[in-house]
């Protein structure tokens, strides 16, 4: 099984062993297309469409650019946002889309977890050093911007203290009162925390590949979303806590609701009646 992977930030090294062990697959990097034109984390080029659409486009391009050399095309797309539970923590969602050339089968996998994504304005070197420490620097690389989170990028991929100092000093030399914005570089090769989530998405891809749709028998049958409605343990009112899972086939669209193995009772603190 040969898989072509369109990527330019080293993600093939994160997934090669997982897909070799789980699928017996040979993963090769596909070149010839600048994936930054589909969207950048530093926002010079906004992503068009959804996260799944972007990953799907990359998988399609992997097949186009590799001609008949590979049987499957793989695309990957990451996103950063606030956590889906309390909207307090930085959150990373990773999507992988695998497409078979011959049949057109599409398998979509995902993983999500707390992200290493700091963004803060700084005015002097001490503030910058403190922000860099919170951002996990130098293991996690940094981006430095001029004049706030929407300002132009002065440098990205900053991975050593001396390099960070040089950019800071050069920026301040002409404008001593300039406010800078420092943030984590969210590209895969520059963010070890994100690398862990990408590997988790690879494991999910292996699981989904081996799960066949009960309707059409295509690979990729798996969890689509959680179904809310677990009753409150105190008053019995349905809550937003998941009571079941909705599984779906990406090939034929078949869906089924799978109740949880153990009946779920929601904590009254998560009930809109008991805790409005």
C-alpha atoms as a PDB file:
ATOM      1  CA  UNK A   1       0.000   0.000   0.000  1.00  0.00           C
ATOM      2  CA  UNK A   2       1.616   3.263  -1.151  1.00  0.00           C
ATOM      3  CA  UNK A   3       0.458   6.629   0.217  1.00  0.00           C
ATOM      4  CA  UNK A   4       1.508  10.021  -1.149  1.00  0.00           C
ATOM      5  CA  UNK A   5       1.477  12.790   1.466  1.00  0.00           C
ATOM      6  CA  UNK A   6       1.440  16.441   0.375  1.00  0.00           C
ATOM      7  CA  UNK A   7       3.265  18.347   3.120  1.00  0.00           C
ATOM      8  CA  UNK A   8       6.156  20.760   3.462  1.00  0.00           C
ATOM      9  CA  UNK A   9       6.588  21.020   7.232  1.00  0.00           C
ATOM     10  CA  UNK A  10       7.935  17.565   8.091  1.00  0.00           C
ATOM     11  CA  UNK A  11       4.673  15.828   8.953  1.00  0.00           C
ATOM     12  CA  UNK A  12       5.666  12.717   6.986  1.00  0.00           C
ATOM     13  CA  UNK A  13       8.225  11.905   9.704  1.00  0.00           C
ATOM     14  CA  UNK A  14       5.452  11.975  12.327  1.00  0.00           C
ATOM     15  CA  UNK A  15       3.167   9.517  10.529  1.00  0.00           C
ATOM     16  CA  UNK A  16       5.419   7.162   8.566  1.00  0.00           C
ATOM     17  CA  UNK A  17       5.942   4.601  11.334  1.00  0.00           C
ATOM     18  CA  UNK A  18       2.317   4.747  12.546  1.00  0.00           C
ATOM     19  CA  UNK A  19       0.960   4.035   9.056  1.00  0.00           C
ATOM     20  CA  UNK A  20       3.619   1.394   8.355  1.00  0.00           C
ATOM     21  CA  UNK A  21       2.759  -0.528  11.512  1.00  0.00           C
ATOM     22  CA  UNK A  22      -1.004  -0.009  11.365  1.00  0.00           C
ATOM     23  CA  UNK A  23      -1.648  -0.300   7.631  1.00  0.00           C
ATOM     24  CA  UNK A  24       1.506  -1.835   6.190  1.00  0.00           C
ATOM     25  CA  UNK A  25       1.776   1.405   4.217  1.00  0.00           C
ATOM     26  CA  UNK A  26       4.756   3.064   2.586  1.00  0.00           C
ATOM     27  CA  UNK A  27       4.413   6.811   3.065  1.00  0.00           C
ATOM     28  CA  UNK A  28       6.206   9.160   0.690  1.00  0.00           C
ATOM     29  CA  UNK A  29       6.311  12.943   0.637  1.00  0.00           C
ATOM     30  CA  UNK A  30       4.746  14.579  -2.430  1.00  0.00           C
ATOM     31  CA  UNK A  31       6.319  17.834  -3.620  1.00  0.00           C
ATOM     32  CA  UNK A  32       5.550  20.354  -6.331  1.00  0.00           C
ATOM     33  CA  UNK A  33       2.883  22.438  -4.605  1.00  0.00           C
ATOM     34  CA  UNK A  34       3.193  25.198  -2.005  1.00  0.00           C
ATOM     35  CA  UNK A  35       0.633  24.246   0.648  1.00  0.00           C
ATOM     36  CA  UNK A  36       0.981  27.702   2.214  1.00  0.00           C
ATOM     37  CA  UNK A  37      -1.124  29.004  -0.684  1.00  0.00           C
ATOM     38  CA  UNK A  38      -4.048  27.119   0.888  1.00  0.00           C
ATOM     39  CA  UNK A  39      -3.664  28.985   4.188  1.00  0.00           C
ATOM     40  CA  UNK A  40      -1.032  29.977   6.750  1.00  0.00           C
ATOM     41  CA  UNK A  41      -1.125  30.104  10.538  1.00  0.00           C
ATOM     42  CA  UNK A  42       0.512  33.534  10.430  1.00  0.00           C
ATOM     43  CA  UNK A  43      -2.557  34.680   8.493  1.00  0.00           C
ATOM     44  CA  UNK A  44      -0.862  36.176   5.436  1.00  0.00           C
ATOM     45  CA  UNK A  45      -3.038  33.758   3.442  1.00  0.00           C
ATOM     46  CA  UNK A  46      -6.401  32.896   5.048  1.00  0.00           C
ATOM     47  CA  UNK A  47      -7.631  29.334   4.653  1.00  0.00           C
ATOM     48  CA  UNK A  48     -10.469  28.921   2.193  1.00  0.00           C
ATOM     49  CA  UNK A  49     -13.292  26.609   3.188  1.00  0.00           C
ATOM     50  CA  UNK A  50     -13.436  24.288   6.180  1.00  0.00           C
ATOM     51  CA  UNK A  51     -10.644  22.342   7.792  1.00  0.00           C
ATOM     52  CA  UNK A  52     -11.876  19.081   6.246  1.00  0.00           C
ATOM     53  CA  UNK A  53     -12.143  20.717   2.811  1.00  0.00           C
ATOM     54  CA  UNK A  54      -8.545  21.941   3.047  1.00  0.00           C
ATOM     55  CA  UNK A  55      -7.247  18.495   4.041  1.00  0.00           C
ATOM     56  CA  UNK A  56      -9.300  16.911   1.250  1.00  0.00           C
ATOM     57  CA  UNK A  57      -7.844  19.305  -1.319  1.00  0.00           C
ATOM     58  CA  UNK A  58      -4.329  18.398  -0.234  1.00  0.00           C
ATOM     59  CA  UNK A  59      -5.116  14.673  -0.536  1.00  0.00           C
ATOM     60  CA  UNK A  60      -6.496  15.233  -4.038  1.00  0.00           C
ATOM     61  CA  UNK A  61      -3.395  17.208  -5.001  1.00  0.00           C
ATOM     62  CA  UNK A  62      -1.185  14.422  -3.648  1.00  0.00           C
ATOM     63  CA  UNK A  63      -2.852  12.026  -6.095  1.00  0.00           C
ATOM     64  CA  UNK A  64      -2.644  14.485  -8.984  1.00  0.00           C
ATOM     65  CA  UNK A  65       1.035  15.286  -8.454  1.00  0.00           C
ATOM     66  CA  UNK A  66       2.142  11.690  -7.951  1.00  0.00           C
ATOM     67  CA  UNK A  67       0.383  10.340 -11.072  1.00  0.00           C
ATOM     68  CA  UNK A  68       0.082   6.551 -10.761  1.00  0.00           C
ATOM     69  CA  UNK A  69       3.000   6.156  -8.363  1.00  0.00           C
ATOM     70  CA  UNK A  70       0.787   5.913  -5.268  1.00  0.00           C
ATOM     71  CA  UNK A  71      -2.580   4.282  -4.597  1.00  0.00           C
ATOM     72  CA  UNK A  72      -3.721   6.674  -1.869  1.00  0.00           C
ATOM     73  CA  UNK A  73      -3.399  10.431  -1.323  1.00  0.00           C
ATOM     74  CA  UNK A  74      -3.113  11.909   2.167  1.00  0.00           C
ATOM     75  CA  UNK A  75      -3.833  15.460   3.259  1.00  0.00           C
ATOM     76  CA  UNK A  76      -3.520  17.116   6.659  1.00  0.00           C
ATOM     77  CA  UNK A  77      -4.889  20.338   8.114  1.00  0.00           C
ATOM     78  CA  UNK A  78      -4.591  21.785  11.615  1.00  0.00           C
ATOM     79  CA  UNK A  79      -6.676  24.424  13.340  1.00  0.00           C
ATOM     80  CA  UNK A  80      -6.319  26.387  16.570  1.00  0.00           C
ATOM     81  CA  UNK A  81      -9.219  27.785  18.551  1.00  0.00           C
ATOM     82  CA  UNK A  82     -10.642  27.844  22.087  1.00  0.00           C
ATOM     83  CA  UNK A  83     -11.569  24.549  23.728  1.00  0.00           C
ATOM     84  CA  UNK A  84     -15.083  23.236  22.929  1.00  0.00           C
ATOM     85  CA  UNK A  85     -15.972  22.725  26.592  1.00  0.00           C
ATOM     86  CA  UNK A  86     -15.521  26.014  28.440  1.00  0.00           C
ATOM     87  CA  UNK A  87     -13.927  28.180  25.719  1.00  0.00           C
ATOM     88  CA  UNK A  88     -11.061  29.021  28.032  1.00  0.00           C
ATOM     89  CA  UNK A  89      -8.052  27.026  26.824  1.00  0.00           C
ATOM     90  CA  UNK A  90      -6.157  27.183  23.523  1.00  0.00           C
ATOM     91  CA  UNK A  91      -7.130  24.068  21.554  1.00  0.00           C
ATOM     92  CA  UNK A  92      -5.693  22.214  18.573  1.00  0.00           C
ATOM     93  CA  UNK A  93      -7.719  20.055  16.170  1.00  0.00           C
ATOM     94  CA  UNK A  94      -5.923  17.976  13.539  1.00  0.00           C
ATOM     95  CA  UNK A  95      -7.665  16.430  10.535  1.00  0.00           C
ATOM     96  CA  UNK A  96      -6.303  13.802   8.137  1.00  0.00           C
ATOM     97  CA  UNK A  97      -8.046  12.826   4.898  1.00  0.00           C
ATOM     98  CA  UNK A  98      -7.014   9.697   2.990  1.00  0.00           C
ATOM     99  CA  UNK A  99      -8.384   9.102  -0.536  1.00  0.00           C
ATOM    100  CA  UNK A 100      -8.003   5.979  -2.680  1.00  0.00           C
ATOM    101  CA  UNK A 101      -7.265   6.721  -6.320  1.00  0.00           C
ATOM    102  CA  UNK A 102      -9.197   3.784  -7.812  1.00  0.00           C
ATOM    103  CA  UNK A 103     -12.424   3.764  -5.795  1.00  0.00           C
ATOM    104  CA  UNK A 104     -12.510   7.310  -4.451  1.00  0.00           C
ATOM    105  CA  UNK A 105     -12.945   6.035  -0.879  1.00  0.00           C
ATOM    106  CA  UNK A 106     -12.375   8.845   1.617  1.00  0.00           C
ATOM    107  CA  UNK A 107     -11.393   8.307   5.213  1.00  0.00           C
ATOM    108  CA  UNK A 108     -11.418  11.285   7.567  1.00  0.00           C
ATOM    109  CA  UNK A 109      -9.624  11.073  10.913  1.00  0.00           C
ATOM    110  CA  UNK A 110      -9.175  13.627  13.651  1.00  0.00           C
ATOM    111  CA  UNK A 111      -7.644  14.317  17.027  1.00  0.00           C
ATOM    112  CA  UNK A 112      -7.793  17.261  19.361  1.00  0.00           C
ATOM    113  CA  UNK A 113      -6.129  18.386  22.587  1.00  0.00           C
ATOM    114  CA  UNK A 114      -4.946  21.408  24.528  1.00  0.00           C
ATOM    115  CA  UNK A 115      -2.597  23.493  22.396  1.00  0.00           C
ATOM    116  CA  UNK A 116       0.631  25.346  23.014  1.00  0.00           C
ATOM    117  CA  UNK A 117      -0.530  28.650  21.557  1.00  0.00           C
ATOM    118  CA  UNK A 118       0.499  31.809  23.392  1.00  0.00           C
ATOM    119  CA  UNK A 119       0.021  35.305  21.994  1.00  0.00           C
ATOM    120  CA  UNK A 120       0.897  38.468  23.943  1.00  0.00           C
ATOM    121  CA  UNK A 121       2.024  42.055  23.376  1.00  0.00           C
ATOM    122  CA  UNK A 122       5.408  43.028  24.826  1.00  0.00           C
ATOM    123  CA  UNK A 123       7.183  46.346  25.254  1.00  0.00           C
ATOM    124  CA  UNK A 124      10.652  45.415  26.510  1.00  0.00           C
ATOM    125  CA  UNK A 125      13.148  42.558  26.566  1.00  0.00           C
ATOM    126  CA  UNK A 126      12.133  41.288  30.014  1.00  0.00           C
ATOM    127  CA  UNK A 127       8.490  40.998  28.937  1.00  0.00           C
ATOM    128  CA  UNK A 128       9.552  39.193  25.787  1.00  0.00           C
ATOM    129  CA  UNK A 129      11.706  36.722  27.736  1.00  0.00           C
ATOM    130  CA  UNK A 130       8.833  35.995  30.129  1.00  0.00           C
ATOM    131  CA  UNK A 131       6.374  35.493  27.259  1.00  0.00           C
ATOM    132  CA  UNK A 132       8.833  33.203  25.472  1.00  0.00           C
ATOM    133  CA  UNK A 133       9.121  31.057  28.581  1.00  0.00           C
ATOM    134  CA  UNK A 134       5.328  30.711  28.784  1.00  0.00           C
ATOM    135  CA  UNK A 135       5.332  29.716  25.099  1.00  0.00           C
ATOM    136  CA  UNK A 136       7.694  26.794  25.706  1.00  0.00           C
ATOM    137  CA  UNK A 137      10.611  28.436  23.891  1.00  0.00           C
ATOM    138  CA  UNK A 138      13.012  27.330  22.440  1.00  0.00           C
ATOM    139  CA  UNK A 139      11.538  23.839  21.916  1.00  0.00           C
ATOM    140  CA  UNK A 140       8.454  25.618  20.596  1.00  0.00           C
ATOM    141  CA  UNK A 141       9.459  28.199  18.012  1.00  0.00           C
ATOM    142  CA  UNK A 142       8.167  31.754  18.010  1.00  0.00           C
ATOM    143  CA  UNK A 143       6.738  34.375  15.661  1.00  0.00           C
ATOM    144  CA  UNK A 144       7.383  38.061  16.288  1.00  0.00           C
ATOM    145  CA  UNK A 145       5.001  40.681  14.909  1.00  0.00           C
ATOM    146  CA  UNK A 146       4.976  44.434  14.759  1.00  0.00           C
ATOM    147  CA  UNK A 147       2.186  46.356  16.530  1.00  0.00           C
ATOM    148  CA  UNK A 148      -0.144  43.686  17.830  1.00  0.00           C
ATOM    149  CA  UNK A 149      -1.673  40.360  16.826  1.00  0.00           C
ATOM    150  CA  UNK A 150      -2.696  41.618  13.373  1.00  0.00           C
ATOM    151  CA  UNK A 151       0.560  43.392  12.621  1.00  0.00           C
ATOM    152  CA  UNK A 152       3.023  42.356   9.930  1.00  0.00           C
ATOM    153  CA  UNK A 153       5.320  39.425  10.670  1.00  0.00           C
ATOM    154  CA  UNK A 154       8.887  40.477  11.479  1.00  0.00           C
ATOM    155  CA  UNK A 155      10.207  36.915  11.816  1.00  0.00           C
ATOM    156  CA  UNK A 156       8.933  33.380  12.277  1.00  0.00           C
ATOM    157  CA  UNK A 157      10.600  30.104  13.130  1.00  0.00           C
ATOM    158  CA  UNK A 158      12.613  31.795  15.884  1.00  0.00           C
ATOM    159  CA  UNK A 159      14.313  28.913  17.687  1.00  0.00           C
ATOM    160  CA  UNK A 160      17.198  30.365  19.710  1.00  0.00           C
ATOM    161  CA  UNK A 161      17.590  33.157  22.233  1.00  0.00           C
ATOM    162  CA  UNK A 162      20.229  34.989  20.211  1.00  0.00           C
ATOM    163  CA  UNK A 163      18.019  35.037  17.112  1.00  0.00           C
ATOM    164  CA  UNK A 164      15.093  36.336  19.154  1.00  0.00           C
ATOM    165  CA  UNK A 165      17.288  39.043  20.678  1.00  0.00           C
ATOM    166  CA  UNK A 166      18.557  40.210  17.285  1.00  0.00           C
ATOM    167  CA  UNK A 167      15.050  40.626  15.856  1.00  0.00           C
ATOM    168  CA  UNK A 168      13.938  42.445  19.015  1.00  0.00           C
ATOM    169  CA  UNK A 169      16.909  44.817  19.004  1.00  0.00           C
ATOM    170  CA  UNK A 170      16.622  45.532  15.291  1.00  0.00           C
ATOM    171  CA  UNK A 171      12.939  46.355  15.671  1.00  0.00           C
ATOM    172  CA  UNK A 172      13.480  48.604  18.664  1.00  0.00           C
ATOM    173  CA  UNK A 173      16.497  50.439  17.222  1.00  0.00           C
ATOM    174  CA  UNK A 174      14.432  52.683  14.972  1.00  0.00           C
ATOM    175  CA  UNK A 175      11.299  52.821  17.172  1.00  0.00           C
ATOM    176  CA  UNK A 176      12.143  52.488  20.886  1.00  0.00           C
ATOM    177  CA  UNK A 177       8.458  52.742  21.910  1.00  0.00           C
ATOM    178  CA  UNK A 178       7.295  50.098  19.454  1.00  0.00           C
ATOM    179  CA  UNK A 179       5.014  47.394  20.876  1.00  0.00           C
ATOM    180  CA  UNK A 180       5.726  43.899  19.572  1.00  0.00           C
ATOM    181  CA  UNK A 181       3.537  40.811  19.576  1.00  0.00           C
ATOM    182  CA  UNK A 182       5.031  37.384  20.264  1.00  0.00           C
ATOM    183  CA  UNK A 183       3.186  34.157  19.561  1.00  0.00           C
ATOM    184  CA  UNK A 184       3.860  30.462  19.093  1.00  0.00           C
ATOM    185  CA  UNK A 185       4.816  29.343  15.606  1.00  0.00           C
ATOM    186  CA  UNK A 186       2.037  26.848  14.897  1.00  0.00           C
ATOM    187  CA  UNK A 187       3.610  25.075  11.927  1.00  0.00           C
ATOM    188  CA  UNK A 188       4.095  21.364  12.574  1.00  0.00           C
ATOM    189  CA  UNK A 189       7.894  21.341  12.560  1.00  0.00           C
ATOM    190  CA  UNK A 190       7.971  24.263  14.998  1.00  0.00           C
ATOM    191  CA  UNK A 191       5.471  23.063  17.609  1.00  0.00           C
ATOM    192  CA  UNK A 192       6.138  19.750  19.446  1.00  0.00           C
ATOM    193  CA  UNK A 193       2.769  19.875  21.200  1.00  0.00           C
ATOM    194  CA  UNK A 194       1.027  19.954  17.850  1.00  0.00           C
ATOM    195  CA  UNK A 195       3.195  17.070  16.643  1.00  0.00           C
ATOM    196  CA  UNK A 196       1.706  14.886  19.387  1.00  0.00           C
ATOM    197  CA  UNK A 197      -1.833  15.661  18.198  1.00  0.00           C
ATOM    198  CA  UNK A 198      -0.899  14.865  14.577  1.00  0.00           C
ATOM    199  CA  UNK A 199       0.364  11.448  15.705  1.00  0.00           C
ATOM    200  CA  UNK A 200      -2.923  10.886  17.537  1.00  0.00           C
ATOM    201  CA  UNK A 201      -4.796  11.700  14.318  1.00  0.00           C
ATOM    202  CA  UNK A 202      -2.621   9.101  12.575  1.00  0.00           C
ATOM    203  CA  UNK A 203      -3.669   6.467  15.098  1.00  0.00           C
ATOM    204  CA  UNK A 204      -7.309   7.445  14.557  1.00  0.00           C
ATOM    205  CA  UNK A 205      -6.786   7.039  10.797  1.00  0.00           C
ATOM    206  CA  UNK A 206      -5.530   3.487  11.314  1.00  0.00           C
ATOM    207  CA  UNK A 207      -8.553   2.647  13.488  1.00  0.00           C
ATOM    208  CA  UNK A 208     -11.000   4.068  10.971  1.00  0.00           C
ATOM    209  CA  UNK A 209      -9.309   2.339   8.038  1.00  0.00           C
ATOM    210  CA  UNK A 210      -9.971  -1.028   9.660  1.00  0.00           C
ATOM    211  CA  UNK A 211     -13.612  -0.196  10.473  1.00  0.00           C
ATOM    212  CA  UNK A 212     -15.991  -1.030   7.611  1.00  0.00           C
ATOM    213  CA  UNK A 213     -19.372   0.569   6.976  1.00  0.00           C
ATOM    214  CA  UNK A 214     -22.236  -1.867   7.727  1.00  0.00           C
ATOM    215  CA  UNK A 215     -24.117  -0.482   4.703  1.00  0.00           C
ATOM    216  CA  UNK A 216     -21.569  -0.308   1.859  1.00  0.00           C
ATOM    217  CA  UNK A 217     -18.554  -2.027   3.473  1.00  0.00           C
ATOM    218  CA  UNK A 218     -16.207   0.844   2.602  1.00  0.00           C
ATOM    219  CA  UNK A 219     -13.390   1.594   5.085  1.00  0.00           C
ATOM    220  CA  UNK A 220     -13.538   4.655   7.286  1.00  0.00           C
ATOM    221  CA  UNK A 221     -16.728   4.140   9.284  1.00  0.00           C
ATOM    222  CA  UNK A 222     -16.374   5.995  12.578  1.00  0.00           C
ATOM    223  CA  UNK A 223     -17.387   8.682  15.021  1.00  0.00           C
ATOM    224  CA  UNK A 224     -18.904  11.805  13.458  1.00  0.00           C
ATOM    225  CA  UNK A 225     -20.119  13.671  16.542  1.00  0.00           C
ATOM    226  CA  UNK A 226     -21.420  13.241  20.071  1.00  0.00           C
ATOM    227  CA  UNK A 227     -25.189  13.215  20.605  1.00  0.00           C
ATOM    228  CA  UNK A 228     -26.251  15.324  23.637  1.00  0.00           C
ATOM    229  CA  UNK A 229     -29.125  14.496  25.964  1.00  0.00           C
ATOM    230  CA  UNK A 230     -27.777  12.580  28.964  1.00  0.00           C
ATOM    231  CA  UNK A 231     -30.309  13.010  31.800  1.00  0.00           C
ATOM    232  CA  UNK A 232     -29.435  15.031  34.867  1.00  0.00           C
ATOM    233  CA  UNK A 233     -28.668  12.777  37.844  1.00  0.00           C
ATOM    234  CA  UNK A 234     -30.818  15.009  40.049  1.00  0.00           C
ATOM    235  CA  UNK A 235     -33.905  16.044  38.040  1.00  0.00           C
ATOM    236  CA  UNK A 236     -33.745  13.825  34.949  1.00  0.00           C
ATOM    237  CA  UNK A 237     -33.839  16.716  32.470  1.00  0.00           C
ATOM    238  CA  UNK A 238     -31.880  16.091  29.248  1.00  0.00           C
ATOM    239  CA  UNK A 239     -28.608  18.035  29.251  1.00  0.00           C
ATOM    240  CA  UNK A 240     -25.898  18.941  26.758  1.00  0.00           C
ATOM    241  CA  UNK A 241     -23.734  16.115  28.094  1.00  0.00           C
ATOM    242  CA  UNK A 242     -23.353  13.385  25.412  1.00  0.00           C
ATOM    243  CA  UNK A 243     -25.628  10.371  25.771  1.00  0.00           C
ATOM    244  CA  UNK A 244     -24.566   8.601  22.588  1.00  0.00           C
ATOM    245  CA  UNK A 245     -22.305   8.804  19.540  1.00  0.00           C
ATOM    246  CA  UNK A 246     -23.249   9.342  15.905  1.00  0.00           C
ATOM    247  CA  UNK A 247     -21.156   7.175  13.565  1.00  0.00           C
ATOM    248  CA  UNK A 248     -20.995   7.893   9.850  1.00  0.00           C
ATOM    249  CA  UNK A 249     -19.595   6.516   6.594  1.00  0.00           C
ATOM    250  CA  UNK A 250     -17.731   9.104   4.484  1.00  0.00           C
ATOM    251  CA  UNK A 251     -18.372   7.084   1.309  1.00  0.00           C
ATOM    252  CA  UNK A 252     -22.122   6.416   1.334  1.00  0.00           C
ATOM    253  CA  UNK A 253     -23.262   8.784   4.091  1.00  0.00           C
ATOM    254  CA  UNK A 254     -24.839   6.058   6.245  1.00  0.00           C
ATOM    255  CA  UNK A 255     -25.276   7.156   9.879  1.00  0.00           C
ATOM    256  CA  UNK A 256     -26.171   5.302  13.065  1.00  0.00           C
ATOM    257  CA  UNK A 257     -26.541   6.302  16.704  1.00  0.00           C
ATOM    258  CA  UNK A 258     -24.509   4.208  19.147  1.00  0.00           C
ATOM    259  CA  UNK A 259     -25.534   4.487  22.809  1.00  0.00           C
ATOM    260  CA  UNK A 260     -22.709   4.571  25.292  1.00  0.00           C
ATOM    261  CA  UNK A 261     -21.688   1.217  26.740  1.00  0.00           C
ATOM    262  CA  UNK A 262     -22.653   2.429  30.228  1.00  0.00           C
ATOM    263  CA  UNK A 263     -25.721   4.638  30.790  1.00  0.00           C
ATOM    264  CA  UNK A 264     -24.615   8.226  31.373  1.00  0.00           C
ATOM    265  CA  UNK A 265     -26.055  10.462  34.091  1.00  0.00           C
ATOM    266  CA  UNK A 266     -25.013  14.081  33.938  1.00  0.00           C
ATOM    267  CA  UNK A 267     -23.651  15.999  36.902  1.00  0.00           C
ATOM    268  CA  UNK A 268     -26.326  18.487  38.110  1.00  0.00           C
ATOM    269  CA  UNK A 269     -23.741  21.254  37.742  1.00  0.00           C
ATOM    270  CA  UNK A 270     -24.047  20.769  33.953  1.00  0.00           C
ATOM    271  CA  UNK A 271     -27.847  20.877  33.998  1.00  0.00           C
ATOM    272  CA  UNK A 272     -29.543  24.080  32.802  1.00  0.00           C
ATOM    273  CA  UNK A 273     -32.445  23.441  35.215  1.00  0.00           C
ATOM    274  CA  UNK A 274     -30.498  22.643  38.377  1.00  0.00           C
ATOM    275  CA  UNK A 275     -27.700  25.073  37.606  1.00  0.00           C
ATOM    276  CA  UNK A 276     -29.147  27.773  35.304  1.00  0.00           C
END
